[in-house]
C-alpha cells in the first residue's frame, strides 16, 4: 500500500492552501498529511497483511522523505512526470517487487477511517483479477487497488476534474472488471475542506470513526483555522 506524494516543498506543496496558510505552512501541513497517511497504513497493517510505501515525486526527493519517515516505510521514486504515469509506474514497480496486489492512496485524506484501508486489502486478497476504488467526494478517487498493472485504467482520464471516478469505472468495465467500491471520502485541498478537517478532528463527530491524524491535529492545534 503506497501513498502517492509530492515532496512538501515551500511554494510547491498545497498551493491552493498557501494563500490562506502561507507557503511555508502549506508545505508543513502537506508533510503532516503524508506522515499521517503513512501512520494510517501502519494502523491498518495491524489487522491485515500490508507493507507500507511512499511513491514519491520528484525522484530526487528520497532524502526529504527518508528524513520524515521511519526506515520501515519503503520508498518508490517516480520514473515519469504526470499523475497517470506516476500511478501506473508505482503499481508496476511494486508488482515487480513481488507483491500480488497493490493499493495506491492519496496524501490528501489524513482522517480516512482505517477500516477502509483494511477492507481494501482484504478485498484484494481474493483470487483472480480485481479492482478496488475509493471514490472522493470531488469526483476523483482516494484509493485504487489492483491485482495487475492495467495501463488502460489510467489512459484518457480527465485528471483533476469531477469526471475521474466515472471515467475510471468506464475503463475498468472495458477490461471486464467490476470494481468493488469503498465508502466515499474527502480530499483536503482548499479552505472549506480544511475547515471540515478541523471540525472532524476537534468536533468529535466520530461517525464514521476517523483516523486521529496526530501530526495534522498537532499542526491545527497550534493555530486553529478560523470559521
Protein backbone atom coordinates (compact mmCIF):
# COMPACT_ATOMS: atom_id res chain seq x y z
CA UNK A 1 0.00 0.00 0.00
CA UNK A 2 1.68 3.17 -1.22
CA UNK A 3 0.92 6.83 -0.56
CA UNK A 4 1.25 8.92 -3.71
CA UNK A 5 3.09 12.01 -2.50
CA UNK A 6 4.83 15.08 -3.82
CA UNK A 7 7.74 16.43 -1.82
CA UNK A 8 6.35 19.03 0.63
CA UNK A 9 8.47 21.90 -0.66
CA UNK A 10 7.73 25.54 0.08
CA UNK A 11 6.00 27.17 -2.86
CA UNK A 12 5.19 23.81 -4.49
CA UNK A 13 3.06 21.99 -1.93
CA UNK A 14 -0.65 22.60 -1.32
CA UNK A 15 -0.63 25.73 -3.45
CA UNK A 16 -4.41 26.19 -3.13
CA UNK A 17 -3.96 26.45 0.64
CA UNK A 18 -0.88 28.65 0.50
CA UNK A 19 -2.93 31.83 0.13
CA UNK A 20 -4.65 31.23 3.48
CA UNK A 21 -1.87 29.45 5.37
CA UNK A 22 1.31 30.92 3.80
CA UNK A 23 3.55 28.84 1.52
CA UNK A 24 5.62 27.68 4.49
CA UNK A 25 2.57 26.48 6.44
CA UNK A 26 1.12 24.83 3.34
CA UNK A 27 4.33 22.82 2.96
CA UNK A 28 4.25 21.94 6.65
CA UNK A 29 0.67 20.68 6.59
CA UNK A 30 1.44 18.71 3.43
CA UNK A 31 4.21 16.91 5.33
CA UNK A 32 1.76 16.27 8.18
CA UNK A 33 -0.75 14.73 5.76
CA UNK A 34 1.90 12.41 4.33
CA UNK A 35 3.09 11.28 7.75
CA UNK A 36 -0.48 10.67 8.88
CA UNK A 37 -1.37 8.67 5.78
CA UNK A 38 1.69 6.51 6.41
CA UNK A 39 0.63 6.14 10.06
CA UNK A 40 -2.85 5.13 8.95
CA UNK A 41 -1.41 2.41 6.74
CA UNK A 42 0.64 1.17 9.70
CA UNK A 43 -2.55 1.04 11.77
CA UNK A 44 -4.26 -0.98 9.04
CA UNK A 45 -1.28 -3.34 8.93
CA UNK A 46 -2.17 -4.43 12.47
CA UNK A 47 -5.32 -6.01 11.02
CA UNK A 48 -4.33 -7.06 7.51
CA UNK A 49 -1.16 -8.11 5.72
CA UNK A 50 0.11 -4.78 4.42
CA UNK A 51 3.54 -3.31 3.71
CA UNK A 52 3.72 0.48 3.64
CA UNK A 53 5.39 2.60 0.95
CA UNK A 54 5.53 6.16 -0.29
CA UNK A 55 5.61 6.60 -4.07
CA UNK A 56 7.23 9.99 -4.34
CA UNK A 57 7.92 12.73 -6.81
CA UNK A 58 10.20 14.21 -7.86
CA UNK A 59 12.54 11.24 -7.98
CA UNK A 60 15.39 13.18 -6.35
CA UNK A 61 13.35 13.74 -3.15
CA UNK A 62 14.31 10.47 -1.46
CA UNK A 63 16.38 12.16 1.25
CA UNK A 64 13.50 14.52 2.10
CA UNK A 65 11.08 11.63 2.54
CA UNK A 66 13.57 9.49 4.41
CA UNK A 67 14.01 12.31 6.93
CA UNK A 68 10.22 12.35 7.50
CA UNK A 69 9.60 8.61 7.76
CA UNK A 70 10.85 5.56 9.59
CA UNK A 71 13.06 3.02 7.88
CA UNK A 72 10.11 0.59 7.87
CA UNK A 73 8.46 2.63 5.12
CA UNK A 74 9.63 1.77 1.62
CA UNK A 75 10.24 4.47 -0.98
CA UNK A 76 9.33 4.19 -4.66
CA UNK A 77 10.64 7.08 -6.79
CA UNK A 78 8.65 8.33 -9.75
CA UNK A 79 10.04 7.50 -13.16
CA UNK A 80 7.98 9.74 -15.42
CA UNK A 81 6.15 13.06 -14.93
CA UNK A 82 2.37 13.25 -14.73
CA UNK A 83 -0.20 11.63 -12.48
CA UNK A 84 -1.23 8.87 -14.88
CA UNK A 85 2.37 7.78 -15.42
CA UNK A 86 3.17 8.03 -11.71
CA UNK A 87 0.21 5.82 -10.75
CA UNK A 88 0.92 3.20 -13.38
CA UNK A 89 4.67 3.17 -12.71
CA UNK A 90 4.22 2.90 -8.94
CA UNK A 91 1.89 -0.08 -9.37
CA UNK A 92 4.22 -1.70 -11.90
CA UNK A 93 7.27 -1.25 -9.68
CA UNK A 94 5.51 -2.79 -6.66
CA UNK A 95 4.26 -5.74 -8.69
CA UNK A 96 7.81 -6.18 -10.00
CA UNK A 97 8.97 -6.30 -6.36
CA UNK A 98 6.85 -9.42 -5.91
CA UNK A 99 3.54 -8.18 -4.48
CA UNK A 100 0.36 -9.91 -5.56
CA UNK A 101 -1.77 -6.81 -5.07
CA UNK A 102 -1.16 -3.09 -4.79
CA UNK A 103 -3.15 -0.20 -3.30
CA UNK A 104 -2.29 3.37 -4.20
CA UNK A 105 -3.74 6.02 -1.88
CA UNK A 106 -3.64 9.79 -2.00
CA UNK A 107 -1.89 12.01 0.52
CA UNK A 108 -4.85 14.38 0.92
CA UNK A 109 -7.21 12.42 3.18
CA UNK A 110 -5.45 12.21 6.55
CA UNK A 111 -8.57 11.25 8.53
CA UNK A 112 -9.68 8.41 6.24
CA UNK A 113 -11.08 5.71 8.55
CA UNK A 114 -8.53 2.93 8.99
CA UNK A 115 -11.13 0.16 8.41
CA UNK A 116 -11.46 1.40 4.82
CA UNK A 117 -7.80 0.51 4.20
CA UNK A 118 -8.26 -2.85 5.91
CA UNK A 119 -11.30 -3.59 3.73
CA UNK A 120 -9.37 -2.70 0.58
CA UNK A 121 -6.54 -5.07 1.49
CA UNK A 122 -8.94 -7.90 2.29
CA UNK A 123 -10.87 -7.43 -0.94
CA UNK A 124 -7.64 -7.66 -2.92
CA UNK A 125 -6.64 -10.84 -1.09
CA UNK A 126 -9.31 -12.74 -3.02
CA UNK A 127 -8.44 -14.84 -6.08
CA UNK A 128 -8.47 -13.58 -9.64
CA UNK A 129 -8.03 -10.18 -11.20
CA UNK A 130 -9.96 -7.49 -9.39
CA UNK A 131 -10.13 -3.78 -8.75
CA UNK A 132 -11.00 -1.70 -5.68
CA UNK A 133 -11.84 2.01 -5.86
CA UNK A 134 -12.37 4.58 -3.12
CA UNK A 135 -14.38 7.47 -4.56
CA UNK A 136 -13.57 11.00 -3.45
CA UNK A 137 -16.38 13.47 -2.95
CA UNK A 138 -14.91 15.77 -5.60
CA UNK A 139 -15.37 13.15 -8.32
CA UNK A 140 -11.90 11.63 -8.20
CA UNK A 141 -10.70 8.71 -6.12
CA UNK A 142 -8.60 8.49 -2.99
CA UNK A 143 -7.61 4.82 -3.47
CA UNK A 144 -7.16 2.40 -6.30
CA UNK A 145 -6.38 -1.24 -5.58
CA UNK A 146 -5.13 -3.59 -8.27
CA UNK A 147 -4.16 -7.21 -8.87
CA UNK A 148 -2.50 -6.32 -12.19
CA UNK A 149 -0.99 -3.12 -13.57
CA UNK A 150 -3.59 -2.30 -16.22
CA UNK A 151 -2.34 0.70 -18.19
CA UNK A 152 -5.83 1.29 -19.60
CA UNK A 153 -7.12 2.31 -16.17
CA UNK A 154 -5.00 5.46 -16.39
CA UNK A 155 -5.46 6.32 -20.06
CA UNK A 156 -7.74 9.05 -21.45
CA UNK A 157 -8.71 10.28 -17.97
CA UNK A 158 -9.56 13.96 -17.43
CA UNK A 159 -7.34 14.22 -14.35
CA UNK A 160 -8.18 16.84 -11.70
CA UNK A 161 -11.81 17.04 -12.82
CA UNK A 162 -15.04 15.62 -11.35
CA UNK A 163 -15.06 13.02 -14.18
CA UNK A 164 -12.11 10.95 -12.92
CA UNK A 165 -14.02 8.32 -10.93
CA UNK A 166 -16.69 7.79 -13.60
CA UNK A 167 -14.11 7.55 -16.37
CA UNK A 168 -12.09 5.05 -14.35
CA UNK A 169 -15.22 2.92 -13.94
CA UNK A 170 -15.61 3.00 -17.72
CA UNK A 171 -12.01 1.89 -18.25
CA UNK A 172 -12.45 -0.92 -15.72
CA UNK A 173 -15.53 -2.23 -17.48
CA UNK A 174 -13.69 -2.17 -20.80
CA UNK A 175 -11.26 -4.57 -19.14
CA UNK A 176 -14.07 -6.78 -17.84
CA UNK A 177 -13.59 -5.66 -14.24
CA UNK A 178 -16.45 -4.64 -11.97
CA UNK A 179 -14.80 -2.62 -9.18
CA UNK A 180 -15.52 -3.08 -5.51
CA UNK A 181 -16.40 0.46 -4.39
CA UNK A 182 -15.43 1.67 -0.93
CA UNK A 183 -17.21 4.43 1.04
CA UNK A 184 -16.64 7.93 -0.31
CA UNK A 185 -14.31 10.34 1.50
CA UNK A 186 -12.96 13.83 1.01
CA UNK A 187 -9.69 15.38 -0.04
CA UNK A 188 -8.28 18.38 1.80
CA UNK A 189 -7.11 20.89 -0.77
CA UNK A 190 -8.92 24.17 -0.10
CA UNK A 191 -10.14 26.29 2.80
CA UNK A 192 -13.63 24.71 3.13
CA UNK A 193 -12.19 21.19 3.26
CA UNK A 194 -9.51 22.35 5.71
CA UNK A 195 -12.21 23.74 7.99
CA UNK A 196 -14.08 20.44 7.66
CA UNK A 197 -10.92 18.59 8.64
CA UNK A 198 -10.52 20.84 11.67
CA UNK A 199 -14.13 20.18 12.71
CA UNK A 200 -13.72 16.42 12.26
CA UNK A 201 -10.58 16.30 14.37
CA UNK A 202 -11.74 18.57 17.17
CA UNK A 203 -15.52 18.47 16.96
CA UNK A 204 -15.95 14.84 17.99
CA UNK A 205 -18.13 13.84 15.01
CA UNK A 206 -16.90 10.25 15.14
CA UNK A 207 -19.36 8.84 12.57
CA UNK A 208 -17.74 7.01 10.97
CA UNK A 209 -14.76 6.86 13.35
CA UNK A 210 -11.95 8.80 11.70
CA UNK A 211 -8.22 8.21 11.85
CA UNK A 212 -6.84 10.52 14.53
CA UNK A 213 -4.19 12.05 12.20
CA UNK A 214 -1.88 13.08 15.08
CA UNK A 215 0.58 15.15 13.03
CA UNK A 216 -2.18 17.11 11.30
CA UNK A 217 -4.04 17.56 14.58
CA UNK A 218 -0.92 18.97 16.23
CA UNK A 219 -0.44 21.41 13.35
CA UNK A 220 -4.04 22.64 13.58
CA UNK A 221 -3.96 22.80 17.37
CA UNK A 222 -1.02 25.17 17.15
CA UNK A 223 -3.05 27.65 15.06
CA UNK A 224 -6.68 26.71 14.58
CA UNK A 225 -8.38 27.54 11.30
CA UNK A 226 -10.97 30.32 11.62
CA UNK A 227 -14.60 29.85 10.67
